[in-house]
Protein backbone atom coordinates (compact mmCIF):
# COMPACT_ATOMS: atom_id res chain seq x y z
CA MET A 1 -0.04 0.00 0.07
CA SER A 2 1.37 3.44 -1.15
CA ALA A 3 0.11 6.90 -0.68
CA GLN A 4 0.17 9.07 -3.79
CA VAL A 5 1.67 12.32 -2.58
CA SER A 6 0.82 14.73 -4.97
CA ARG A 7 3.06 17.82 -6.33
CA ALA A 8 1.33 20.56 -3.92
CA ASP A 9 2.07 18.11 -1.16
CA ASN A 10 5.79 18.28 -2.13
CA VAL A 11 5.63 22.34 -1.95
CA MET A 12 3.80 22.31 1.38
CA ALA A 13 6.00 19.77 2.67
CA GLN A 14 8.99 21.99 1.61
CA LEU A 15 7.65 25.01 2.99
CA LEU A 16 6.91 23.24 6.37
CA LEU A 17 10.88 21.99 6.28
CA VAL A 18 9.33 18.30 6.75
CA ARG A 19 9.39 14.84 4.50
CA PRO A 20 6.49 13.21 4.30
CA ALA A 21 6.61 9.89 5.57
CA PRO A 22 2.96 7.97 4.79
CA THR A 23 2.07 6.07 7.71
CA TYR A 24 -0.97 3.35 8.29
CA ASP A 25 -2.24 2.89 11.50
CA ARG A 26 -5.40 0.51 12.46
CA ASP A 27 -8.34 1.66 14.72
CA GLY A 28 -7.59 5.36 14.79
CA ALA A 29 -4.35 4.86 17.03
CA GLY A 30 -0.54 5.94 16.40
CA PRO A 31 0.13 8.53 14.38
CA THR A 32 -3.17 9.99 12.77
CA ARG A 33 -4.28 10.30 16.66
CA SER A 34 -0.93 11.80 17.84
CA ALA A 35 -1.82 14.73 14.70
CA GLU A 36 -5.09 14.96 15.59
CA ASN A 37 -4.70 15.70 19.18
CA ALA A 38 -2.22 18.06 17.72
CA LEU A 39 -4.70 19.86 15.96
CA THR A 40 -7.13 19.85 19.00
CA PHE A 41 -4.04 21.31 21.46
CA SER A 42 -3.75 23.88 18.60
CA LEU A 43 -7.23 25.01 18.44
CA ILE A 44 -7.94 24.95 22.05
CA PHE A 45 -4.89 27.30 22.83
CA SER A 46 -5.96 29.41 20.32
CA GLY A 47 -9.72 29.51 21.42
CA GLY A 48 -8.03 29.93 25.12
CA ARG A 49 -6.32 33.07 23.97
CA CYS A 50 -9.40 34.70 22.16
CA ILE A 51 -10.93 34.21 25.69
CA LEU A 52 -7.74 35.55 27.65
CA GLN A 53 -7.63 38.55 25.41
CA TYR A 54 -11.32 39.70 24.63
CA ALA A 55 -13.46 38.33 27.78
CA LEU A 56 -10.78 37.99 30.60
CA LEU A 57 -8.16 40.60 30.76
CA PRO A 58 -10.34 43.71 29.93
CA PHE A 59 -12.05 43.17 32.47
CA LEU A 60 -9.88 41.16 35.35
CA LEU A 61 -7.00 44.02 34.93
CA PRO A 62 -9.04 46.83 35.69
CA VAL A 63 -10.82 45.44 38.55
CA ALA A 64 -6.95 44.31 39.76
CA GLY A 65 -6.04 48.04 39.56
CA ILE A 66 -3.48 47.37 36.41
CA ALA A 67 -3.71 49.02 33.46
CA ALA A 68 -5.36 47.18 30.49
CA ASP A 69 -2.01 48.14 28.76
CA ALA A 70 0.05 45.54 31.10
CA ALA A 71 -1.92 43.13 29.17
CA VAL A 72 -0.13 43.61 25.94
CA PRO A 73 3.52 42.01 26.86
CA ILE A 74 1.43 38.65 28.06
CA LEU A 75 -1.12 38.77 24.80
CA LEU A 76 2.30 39.25 22.61
CA VAL A 77 3.55 36.02 23.92
CA ILE A 78 0.28 33.87 23.70
CA ASN A 79 0.02 34.83 19.98
CA VAL A 80 3.43 33.62 19.36
CA LEU A 81 2.87 30.36 21.11
CA ALA A 82 -0.43 30.08 19.18
CA ILE A 83 1.28 30.44 16.12
CA ALA A 84 3.75 27.78 17.10
CA SER A 85 1.52 25.54 18.00
CA ILE A 86 -0.50 25.97 14.68
CA TYR A 87 2.54 25.53 12.51
CA PHE A 88 3.97 22.26 14.29
CA SER A 89 0.41 20.74 14.12
CA LEU A 90 0.66 21.80 10.12
CA ARG A 91 4.12 20.18 10.17
CA ARG A 92 2.71 16.55 11.88
CA PHE A 93 -0.03 16.77 9.09
CA TRP A 94 2.03 17.00 6.40
CA THR A 95 5.20 14.62 7.85
CA ILE A 96 2.33 11.66 8.42
CA LEU A 97 0.13 12.72 5.15
CA TYR A 98 -2.83 13.03 7.13
CA ALA A 99 -6.13 12.38 5.21
CA HIS A 100 -7.45 15.81 6.04
CA ARG A 101 -4.27 17.89 6.00
CA TRP A 102 -5.72 20.37 3.18
CA ARG A 103 -8.73 21.06 4.89
CA TYR A 104 -7.10 21.96 8.15
CA LEU A 105 -4.61 24.12 6.19
CA VAL A 106 -7.53 26.35 5.24
CA VAL A 107 -8.62 26.89 9.30
CA ALA A 108 -5.16 26.75 10.03
CA ALA A 109 -4.04 29.68 7.62
CA THR A 110 -6.97 31.45 8.57
CA ALA A 111 -6.35 31.77 12.07
CA LEU A 112 -2.59 32.37 11.32
CA ILE A 113 -3.21 35.50 9.35
CA LEU A 114 -5.33 36.91 11.99
CA LEU A 115 -2.90 35.87 14.81
CA MET A 116 -0.34 37.59 13.15
CA ALA A 117 -2.65 40.92 12.56
CA PHE A 118 -3.13 40.48 16.39
CA THR A 119 0.79 40.13 16.80
CA ILE A 120 1.20 42.93 14.45
CA TYR A 121 -1.20 45.01 16.61
CA ASP A 122 -0.03 44.04 19.81
CA ILE A 123 3.79 45.57 18.52
CA ILE A 124 2.22 48.76 17.54
CA GLN A 125 0.74 49.09 21.16
CA LEU A 126 4.30 48.51 22.57
CA SER A 127 5.91 51.04 20.57
CA GLY A 128 4.10 53.49 22.57
CA PRO A 129 1.21 56.19 22.49
CA GLY A 130 0.62 57.43 19.54
CA ALA A 131 1.95 55.22 17.34
């Protein structure tokens, strides 16, 4: 049983700096389960970032007597960790040639674009007032 690796798969593998190594597992265990767990973690982490950024920090920091600007460095670190999490889950999907890797790429690309925009915004916020 051999997996067909398309030209597009090879291009994505090169962009992600991985070598596709098709693996086959039974009963959903092994590499496929590991890839799905990586996806679940990255999506939960990104969702947690959103809850923290938009629901908790804007309300909890002022209540604690801390300026809202103190949240910016925290959010910047969380954004970078979320980007890394998504990137590594993409790498995992292409390494094992996960069946739904292209579908996830659409979700991941959307999340990465938004996270990059938030990161740029946070950097601008850190550069000081009037920026």
